[in-house]
PDB file of N, CA and C in Angstrom:
ATOM      1  N   MET A   1     -13.037 103.485  -7.011  1.00  0.00           N
ATOM      2  CA  MET A   1     -12.804 104.539  -6.262  1.00  0.00           C
ATOM      3  C   MET A   1     -13.696 104.632  -4.993  1.00  0.00           C
ATOM      4  N   VAL A   2     -14.772 103.931  -4.978  1.00  0.00           N
ATOM      5  CA  VAL A   2     -15.818 103.706  -3.883  1.00  0.00           C
ATOM      6  C   VAL A   2     -15.179 103.176  -2.726  1.00  0.00           C
ATOM      7  N   LEU A   3     -14.398 102.171  -2.911  1.00  0.00           N
ATOM      8  CA  LEU A   3     -13.852 101.534  -1.603  1.00  0.00           C
ATOM      9  C   LEU A   3     -12.847 102.165  -1.013  1.00  0.00           C
ATOM     10  N   GLY A   4     -11.856 103.023  -1.882  1.00  0.00           N
ATOM     11  CA  GLY A   4     -11.000 103.659  -1.286  1.00  0.00           C
ATOM     12  C   GLY A   4     -11.520 104.915  -0.523  1.00  0.00           C
ATOM     13  N   ASP A   5     -12.537 105.556  -1.232  1.00  0.00           N
ATOM     14  CA  ASP A   5     -13.265 106.689  -0.621  1.00  0.00           C
ATOM     15  C   ASP A   5     -13.659 106.296   0.776  1.00  0.00           C
ATOM     16  N   VAL A   6     -14.424 105.307   1.059  1.00  0.00           N
ATOM     17  CA  VAL A   6     -15.002 104.911   2.109  1.00  0.00           C
ATOM     18  C   VAL A   6     -14.064 104.607   3.301  1.00  0.00           C
ATOM     19  N   ALA A   7     -13.078 103.923   2.944  1.00  0.00           N
ATOM     20  CA  ALA A   7     -11.850 103.530   3.838  1.00  0.00           C
ATOM     21  C   ALA A   7     -11.389 104.823   4.276  1.00  0.00           C
ATOM     22  N   GLY A   8     -11.234 105.618   3.562  1.00  0.00           N
ATOM     23  CA  GLY A   8     -10.619 107.109   3.836  1.00  0.00           C
ATOM     24  C   GLY A   8     -11.480 107.787   5.025  1.00  0.00           C
ATOM     25  N   MET A   9     -12.719 107.545   4.966  1.00  0.00           N
ATOM     26  CA  MET A   9     -13.606 108.132   5.854  1.00  0.00           C
ATOM     27  C   MET A   9     -13.695 107.444   7.178  1.00  0.00           C
ATOM     28  N   VAL A  10     -13.400 106.073   7.238  1.00  0.00           N
ATOM     29  CA  VAL A  10     -13.846 105.311   8.423  1.00  0.00           C
ATOM     30  C   VAL A  10     -12.411 104.988   9.164  1.00  0.00           C
ATOM     31  N   GLU A  11     -12.141 105.399  10.227  1.00  0.00           N
ATOM     32  CA  GLU A  11     -10.904 105.124  10.994  1.00  0.00           C
ATOM     33  C   GLU A  11     -10.713 103.642  11.173  1.00  0.00           C
ATOM     34  N   GLY A  12      -9.574 103.128  10.949  1.00  0.00           N
ATOM     35  CA  GLY A  12      -9.214 101.668  11.235  1.00  0.00           C
ATOM     36  C   GLY A  12      -9.709 100.986   9.933  1.00  0.00           C
ATOM     37  N   VAL A  13     -10.103 101.316   8.858  1.00  0.00           N
ATOM     38  CA  VAL A  13     -10.505 100.716   7.687  1.00  0.00           C
ATOM     39  C   VAL A  13      -9.361 100.907   6.589  1.00  0.00           C
ATOM     40  N   ALA A  14      -8.989  99.765   5.856  1.00  0.00           N
ATOM     41  CA  ALA A  14      -7.909  99.991   4.788  1.00  0.00           C
ATOM     42  C   ALA A  14      -8.706  99.315   3.670  1.00  0.00           C
ATOM     43  N   HIS A  15      -8.160  99.977   2.418  1.00  0.00           N
ATOM     44  CA  HIS A  15      -8.559  99.309   1.114  1.00  0.00           C
ATOM     45  C   HIS A  15      -7.368  98.773   0.550  1.00  0.00           C
ATOM     46  N   VAL A  16      -7.377  97.461   0.145  1.00  0.00           N
ATOM     47  CA  VAL A  16      -6.226  96.887  -0.440  1.00  0.00           C
ATOM     48  C   VAL A  16      -6.827  96.080  -1.865  1.00  0.00           C
ATOM     49  N   GLU A  17      -6.170  96.608  -2.906  1.00  0.00           N
ATOM     50  CA  GLU A  17      -6.739  96.156  -4.189  1.00  0.00           C
ATOM     51  C   GLU A  17      -5.715  95.124  -4.573  1.00  0.00           C
ATOM     52  N   VAL A  18      -6.082  94.030  -5.062  1.00  0.00           N
ATOM     53  CA  VAL A  18      -5.171  92.761  -5.502  1.00  0.00           C
ATOM     54  C   VAL A  18      -5.446  92.399  -7.044  1.00  0.00           C
ATOM     55  N   ASP A  19      -4.440  92.344  -7.742  1.00  0.00           N
ATOM     56  CA  ASP A  19      -4.482  91.984  -9.098  1.00  0.00           C
ATOM     57  C   ASP A  19      -4.795  90.461  -9.201  1.00  0.00           C
ATOM     58  N   ALA A  20      -6.048  89.936  -9.558  1.00  0.00           N
ATOM     59  CA  ALA A  20      -6.251  88.598  -9.544  1.00  0.00           C
ATOM     60  C   ALA A  20      -5.399  87.735 -10.407  1.00  0.00           C
ATOM     61  N   GLU A  21      -5.055  88.453 -11.604  1.00  0.00           N
ATOM     62  CA  GLU A  21      -4.373  87.492 -12.640  1.00  0.00           C
ATOM     63  C   GLU A  21      -2.769  87.189 -11.910  1.00  0.00           C
ATOM     64  N   SER A  22      -2.391  88.288 -11.242  1.00  0.00           N
ATOM     65  CA  SER A  22      -0.941  88.234 -10.717  1.00  0.00           C
ATOM     66  C   SER A  22      -0.887  87.256  -9.448  1.00  0.00           C
ATOM     67  N   HIS A  23      -2.218  87.151  -8.907  1.00  0.00           N
ATOM     68  CA  HIS A  23      -2.092  86.242  -7.571  1.00  0.00           C
ATOM     69  C   HIS A  23      -3.094  85.363  -7.721  1.00  0.00           C
ATOM     70  N   LEU A  24      -2.878  84.398  -8.606  1.00  0.00           N
ATOM     71  CA  LEU A  24      -3.816  83.223  -8.820  1.00  0.00           C
ATOM     72  C   LEU A  24      -3.832  82.239  -7.710  1.00  0.00           C
ATOM     73  N   GLU A  25      -2.823  81.943  -7.011  1.00  0.00           N
ATOM     74  CA  GLU A  25      -2.779  81.027  -5.793  1.00  0.00           C
ATOM     75  C   GLU A  25      -3.729  81.730  -4.793  1.00  0.00           C
ATOM     76  N   LEU A  26      -3.659  82.935  -4.467  1.00  0.00           N
ATOM     77  CA  LEU A  26      -4.474  83.615  -3.456  1.00  0.00           C
ATOM     78  C   LEU A  26      -5.789  83.708  -3.889  1.00  0.00           C
ATOM     79  N   VAL A  27      -6.268  83.805  -5.282  1.00  0.00           N
ATOM     80  CA  VAL A  27      -7.468  83.709  -5.769  1.00  0.00           C
ATOM     81  C   VAL A  27      -8.275  82.456  -5.554  1.00  0.00           C
ATOM     82  N   ARG A  28      -7.378  81.413  -5.772  1.00  0.00           N
ATOM     83  CA  ARG A  28      -7.889  79.949  -5.737  1.00  0.00           C
ATOM     84  C   ARG A  28      -8.228  79.670  -4.274  1.00  0.00           C
ATOM     85  N   ARG A  29      -7.304  80.228  -3.236  1.00  0.00           N
ATOM     86  CA  ARG A  29      -7.474  79.972  -1.842  1.00  0.00           C
ATOM     87  C   ARG A  29      -8.745  80.539  -1.272  1.00  0.00           C
ATOM     88  N   LEU A  30      -9.042  81.922  -1.760  1.00  0.00           N
ATOM     89  CA  LEU A  30     -10.072  82.513  -1.189  1.00  0.00           C
ATOM     90  C   LEU A  30     -11.344  82.092  -1.965  1.00  0.00           C
ATOM     91  N   ASP A  31     -11.328  81.196  -3.104  1.00  0.00           N
ATOM     92  CA  ASP A  31     -12.376  80.905  -3.745  1.00  0.00           C
ATOM     93  C   ASP A  31     -13.143  82.007  -4.646  1.00  0.00           C
ATOM     94  N   ILE A  32     -12.267  82.947  -5.148  1.00  0.00           N
ATOM     95  CA  ILE A  32     -12.709  84.103  -5.979  1.00  0.00           C
ATOM     96  C   ILE A  32     -13.142  83.431  -7.192  1.00  0.00           C
ATOM     97  N   THR A  33     -14.312  83.736  -7.671  1.00  0.00           N
ATOM     98  CA  THR A  33     -14.805  82.997  -9.075  1.00  0.00           C
ATOM     99  C   THR A  33     -15.155  84.184  -9.996  1.00  0.00           C
ATOM    100  N   ARG A  34     -15.438  85.451  -9.480  1.00  0.00           N
ATOM    101  CA  ARG A  34     -15.906  86.584 -10.433  1.00  0.00           C
ATOM    102  C   ARG A  34     -15.086  87.693  -9.909  1.00  0.00           C
ATOM    103  N   THR A  35     -14.801  88.720 -10.908  1.00  0.00           N
ATOM    104  CA  THR A  35     -14.144  90.050 -10.411  1.00  0.00           C
ATOM    105  C   THR A  35     -15.116  91.137 -10.793  1.00  0.00           C
ATOM    106  N   PRO A  36     -15.080  92.137 -10.229  1.00  0.00           N
ATOM    107  CA  PRO A  36     -14.575  92.263  -8.811  1.00  0.00           C
ATOM    108  C   PRO A  36     -15.299  91.514  -7.748  1.00  0.00           C
ATOM    109  N   THR A  37     -14.370  91.166  -6.857  1.00  0.00           N
ATOM    110  CA  THR A  37     -14.974  90.573  -5.573  1.00  0.00           C
ATOM    111  C   THR A  37     -14.389  91.535  -4.419  1.00  0.00           C
ATOM    112  N   VAL A  38     -15.331  91.914  -3.574  1.00  0.00           N
ATOM    113  CA  VAL A  38     -15.003  92.628  -2.251  1.00  0.00           C
ATOM    114  C   VAL A  38     -15.014  91.834  -1.077  1.00  0.00           C
ATOM    115  N   LEU A  39     -14.036  91.757  -0.427  1.00  0.00           N
ATOM    116  CA  LEU A  39     -13.985  91.005   0.963  1.00  0.00           C
ATOM    117  C   LEU A  39     -13.812  91.973   2.067  1.00  0.00           C
ATOM    118  N   VAL A  40     -14.775  91.854   3.110  1.00  0.00           N
ATOM    119  CA  VAL A  40     -14.674  92.661   4.304  1.00  0.00           C
ATOM    120  C   VAL A  40     -14.190  91.761   5.477  1.00  0.00           C
ATOM    121  N   LEU A  41     -13.068  92.122   5.836  1.00  0.00           N
ATOM    122  CA  LEU A  41     -12.479  91.185   6.925  1.00  0.00           C
ATOM    123  C   LEU A  41     -12.631  91.974   8.363  1.00  0.00           C
ATOM    124  N   ASP A  42     -12.553  91.142   9.414  1.00  0.00           N
ATOM    125  CA  ASP A  42     -12.595  91.790  10.746  1.00  0.00           C
ATOM    126  C   ASP A  42     -11.192  92.084  11.138  1.00  0.00           C
ATOM    127  N   ALA A  43     -10.995  92.515  12.284  1.00  0.00           N
ATOM    128  CA  ALA A  43      -9.595  92.984  12.727  1.00  0.00           C
ATOM    129  C   ALA A  43      -8.637  91.768  12.983  1.00  0.00           C
ATOM    130  N   ALA A  44      -9.345  90.480  13.018  1.00  0.00           N
ATOM    131  CA  ALA A  44      -8.423  89.274  13.146  1.00  0.00           C
ATOM    132  C   ALA A  44      -8.052  88.803  11.687  1.00  0.00           C
ATOM    133  N   GLY A  45      -8.630  89.432  10.665  1.00  0.00           N
ATOM    134  CA  GLY A  45      -8.500  89.012   9.324  1.00  0.00           C
ATOM    135  C   GLY A  45      -9.244  87.953   8.757  1.00  0.00           C
ATOM    136  N   ARG A  46     -10.331  87.740   9.580  1.00  0.00           N
ATOM    137  CA  ARG A  46     -11.538  86.583   8.940  1.00  0.00           C
ATOM    138  C   ARG A  46     -12.340  87.370   8.187  1.00  0.00           C
ATOM    139  N   ILE A  47     -12.841  86.703   6.872  1.00  0.00           N
ATOM    140  CA  ILE A  47     -13.799  87.133   6.133  1.00  0.00           C
ATOM    141  C   ILE A  47     -14.907  87.168   6.770  1.00  0.00           C
ATOM    142  N   ARG A  48     -15.726  88.393   6.744  1.00  0.00           N
ATOM    143  CA  ARG A  48     -16.967  88.675   7.408  1.00  0.00           C
ATOM    144  C   ARG A  48     -17.955  88.821   6.481  1.00  0.00           C
ATOM    145  N   LYS A  49     -17.679  89.489   5.179  1.00  0.00           N
ATOM    146  CA  LYS A  49     -18.571  89.766   4.219  1.00  0.00           C
ATOM    147  C   LYS A  49     -18.012  89.516   2.883  1.00  0.00           C
ATOM    148  N   ARG A  50     -18.944  89.122   1.835  1.00  0.00           N
ATOM    149  CA  ARG A  50     -18.071  88.957   0.606  1.00  0.00           C
ATOM    150  C   ARG A  50     -19.280  89.386  -0.312  1.00  0.00           C
ATOM    151  N   ALA A  51     -18.917  90.143  -1.484  1.00  0.00           N
ATOM    152  CA  ALA A  51     -19.817  90.544  -2.566  1.00  0.00           C
ATOM    153  C   ALA A  51     -19.037  90.568  -3.854  1.00  0.00           C
ATOM    154  N   THR A  52     -19.825  90.419  -4.826  1.00  0.00           N
ATOM    155  CA  THR A  52     -19.214  90.590  -6.183  1.00  0.00           C
ATOM    156  C   THR A  52     -19.877  91.555  -6.990  1.00  0.00           C
ATOM    157  N   GLY A  53     -19.188  92.057  -7.993  1.00  0.00           N
ATOM    158  CA  GLY A  53     -19.907  93.123  -8.700  1.00  0.00           C
ATOM    159  C   GLY A  53     -19.348  94.556  -8.353  1.00  0.00           C
ATOM    160  N   ALA A  54     -19.749  95.674  -9.044  1.00  0.00           N
ATOM    161  CA  ALA A  54     -19.272  96.901  -8.687  1.00  0.00           C
ATOM    162  C   ALA A  54     -19.942  97.329  -7.284  1.00  0.00           C
ATOM    163  N   PRO A  55     -19.197  97.669  -6.300  1.00  0.00           N
ATOM    164  CA  PRO A  55     -19.676  98.042  -5.002  1.00  0.00           C
ATOM    165  C   PRO A  55     -20.401  99.335  -5.115  1.00  0.00           C
ATOM    166  N   ARG A  56     -21.494  99.499  -4.242  1.00  0.00           N
ATOM    167  CA  ARG A  56     -22.199 100.677  -4.189  1.00  0.00           C
ATOM    168  C   ARG A  56     -21.774 101.348  -2.598  1.00  0.00           C
ATOM    169  N   ARG A  57     -21.530 102.506  -2.720  1.00  0.00           N
ATOM    170  CA  ARG A  57     -21.116 103.240  -1.466  1.00  0.00           C
ATOM    171  C   ARG A  57     -22.087 103.036  -0.216  1.00  0.00           C
ATOM    172  N   ALA A  58     -23.488 102.817  -0.367  1.00  0.00           N
ATOM    173  CA  ALA A  58     -24.300 102.577   0.845  1.00  0.00           C
ATOM    174  C   ALA A  58     -23.995 101.095   1.462  1.00  0.00           C
ATOM    175  N   ASP A  59     -23.875 100.208   0.200  1.00  0.00           N
ATOM    176  CA  ASP A  59     -23.493  98.796   0.628  1.00  0.00           C
ATOM    177  C   ASP A  59     -22.162  98.670   1.367  1.00  0.00           C
ATOM    178  N   VAL A  60     -21.277  99.428   1.077  1.00  0.00           N
ATOM    179  CA  VAL A  60     -19.961  99.141   1.612  1.00  0.00           C
ATOM    180  C   VAL A  60     -20.020  99.765   2.952  1.00  0.00           C
ATOM    181  N   ILE A  61     -20.757 100.842   3.155  1.00  0.00           N
ATOM    182  CA  ILE A  61     -20.603 101.483   4.613  1.00  0.00           C
ATOM    183  C   ILE A  61     -21.442 100.574   5.368  1.00  0.00           C
ATOM    184  N   ALA A  62     -22.766  99.935   5.048  1.00  0.00           N
ATOM    185  CA  ALA A  62     -23.352  99.005   5.652  1.00  0.00           C
ATOM    186  C   ALA A  62     -22.536  97.728   6.143  1.00  0.00           C
ATOM    187  N   ALA A  63     -21.864  97.089   5.209  1.00  0.00           N
ATOM    188  CA  ALA A  63     -21.063  96.081   5.493  1.00  0.00           C
ATOM    189  C   ALA A  63     -20.020  96.283   6.536  1.00  0.00           C
ATOM    190  N   ILE A  64     -19.341  97.503   6.290  1.00  0.00           N
ATOM    191  CA  ILE A  64     -18.260  97.867   7.354  1.00  0.00           C
ATOM    192  C   ILE A  64     -18.991  97.995   8.949  1.00  0.00           C
ATOM    193  N   GLY A  65     -20.126  98.671   8.846  1.00  0.00           N
ATOM    194  CA  GLY A  65     -20.830  98.867  10.139  1.00  0.00           C
ATOM    195  C   GLY A  65     -21.251  97.584  10.774  1.00  0.00           C
ATOM    196  N   GLU A  66     -21.619  96.468   9.966  1.00  0.00           N
ATOM    197  CA  GLU A  66     -22.087  95.282  10.479  1.00  0.00           C
ATOM    198  C   GLU A  66     -20.776  94.483  11.143  1.00  0.00           C
ATOM    199  N   VAL A  67     -19.480  94.690  10.655  1.00  0.00           N
ATOM    200  CA  VAL A  67     -18.431  94.020  11.125  1.00  0.00           C
ATOM    201  C   VAL A  67     -17.650  94.728  12.207  1.00  0.00           C
ATOM    202  N   ALA A  68     -17.916  96.172  12.149  1.00  0.00           N
ATOM    203  CA  ALA A  68     -17.261  96.801  13.348  1.00  0.00           C
ATOM    204  C   ALA A  68     -17.835  96.644  14.666  1.00  0.00           C
TER     205      ALA A  68
END
């Protein structure tokens, strides 16, 4: 819920959840080895931040701030 809450607070930010088991090709292409994995992308769709484990609100907000 943290990711969706933060995305709702920050204009231009979207939260997209992908079921890894249903999208194994994408998981392999993005080198996802643990779940959950959070990817922060810039406006061009490039991965700028990557984190594994349960996200903390402060960390998510800081990561978005660094990319924005």
